[in-house]
Amino acid sequence: MPMVQITMLEGRSVEQKHALIREVSEAVARTVAVPLDRVRVALYEVSADDWGIGGVPVSVSRPGNPLGTSAAP
């Protein structure tokens, strides 16, 4: 039974997290030829204060935009 663990910054919507679980599960099941119901996915969310890039907390290096997403056009 494949187990996928994803660690990411907090801040995504419930809908985004559900889609991530679904799509990762489908990709793993297809790629390693196992039934979808045998795939496990765990999401771990970390606050921007507890996630560092280059020695700097993301809350400091990306204030107001910790996910680093661009604004919609």
Protein backbone atom coordinates (compact mmCIF):
# COMPACT_ATOMS: atom_id res chain seq x y z
CA MET A 1 0.00 0.00 0.00
CA PRO A 2 1.67 3.26 -1.14
CA MET A 3 1.80 6.09 1.40
CA VAL A 4 2.47 9.65 0.22
CA GLN A 5 3.31 12.40 2.71
CA ILE A 6 3.17 16.01 1.57
CA THR A 7 4.51 18.85 3.70
CA MET A 8 3.51 22.33 2.61
CA LEU A 9 2.92 25.83 3.88
CA GLU A 10 -0.50 26.36 5.38
CA GLY A 11 -2.95 28.59 3.57
CA ARG A 12 -4.59 26.48 0.88
CA SER A 13 -8.34 26.07 0.82
CA VAL A 14 -10.10 22.85 1.79
CA GLU A 15 -11.06 22.46 -1.86
CA GLN A 16 -7.41 22.72 -2.97
CA LYS A 17 -6.31 20.16 -0.38
CA HIS A 18 -9.07 17.74 -1.37
CA ALA A 19 -8.11 18.12 -5.04
CA LEU A 20 -4.45 17.51 -4.18
CA ILE A 21 -5.30 14.32 -2.29
CA ARG A 22 -7.49 13.10 -5.15
CA GLU A 23 -5.04 13.88 -7.94
CA VAL A 24 -1.97 12.54 -6.14
CA SER A 25 -3.86 9.36 -5.26
CA GLU A 26 -4.95 8.86 -8.86
CA ALA A 27 -1.41 9.44 -10.17
CA VAL A 28 0.13 7.00 -7.69
CA ALA A 29 -2.49 4.32 -8.35
CA ARG A 30 -1.98 4.63 -12.10
CA THR A 31 1.82 4.77 -11.96
CA VAL A 32 2.42 1.84 -9.62
CA ALA A 33 -0.60 -0.18 -10.75
CA VAL A 34 -2.45 -0.47 -7.45
CA PRO A 35 -6.15 0.01 -6.73
CA LEU A 36 -7.00 3.59 -5.82
CA ASP A 37 -8.41 2.51 -2.46
CA ARG A 38 -4.97 1.20 -1.46
CA VAL A 39 -3.27 4.62 -1.79
CA ARG A 40 -2.86 6.75 1.33
CA VAL A 41 -2.06 10.48 1.33
CA ALA A 42 -1.27 12.63 4.38
CA LEU A 43 -0.98 16.40 4.23
CA TYR A 44 1.11 18.23 6.80
CA GLU A 45 0.78 22.00 6.98
CA VAL A 46 3.50 24.21 8.42
CA SER A 47 3.11 27.86 9.38
CA ALA A 48 5.15 30.53 7.61
CA ASP A 49 6.93 31.21 10.92
CA ASP A 50 8.08 27.59 11.08
CA TRP A 51 9.23 27.24 7.44
CA GLY A 52 12.56 28.67 6.41
CA ILE A 53 14.19 29.24 3.04
CA GLY A 54 17.84 30.22 2.99
CA GLY A 55 17.91 30.71 6.75
CA VAL A 56 14.98 33.13 6.80
CA PRO A 57 11.43 32.32 7.92
CA VAL A 58 8.96 32.61 5.06
CA SER A 59 6.88 34.98 7.21
CA VAL A 60 9.82 37.41 6.98
CA SER A 61 10.97 36.81 3.40
CA ARG A 62 7.44 36.83 1.93
CA PRO A 63 5.32 38.99 4.22
CA GLY A 64 1.71 39.00 3.09
CA ASN A 65 2.34 36.29 0.47
CA PRO A 66 3.90 33.26 2.17
CA LEU A 67 2.78 30.86 -0.57
CA GLY A 68 4.63 32.93 -3.16
CA THR A 69 1.63 32.95 -5.45
CA SER A 70 1.27 35.60 -8.10
CA ALA A 71 -1.78 37.79 -8.29
CA ALA A 72 -4.45 36.86 -10.78
CA PRO A 73 -4.22 38.86 -14.04
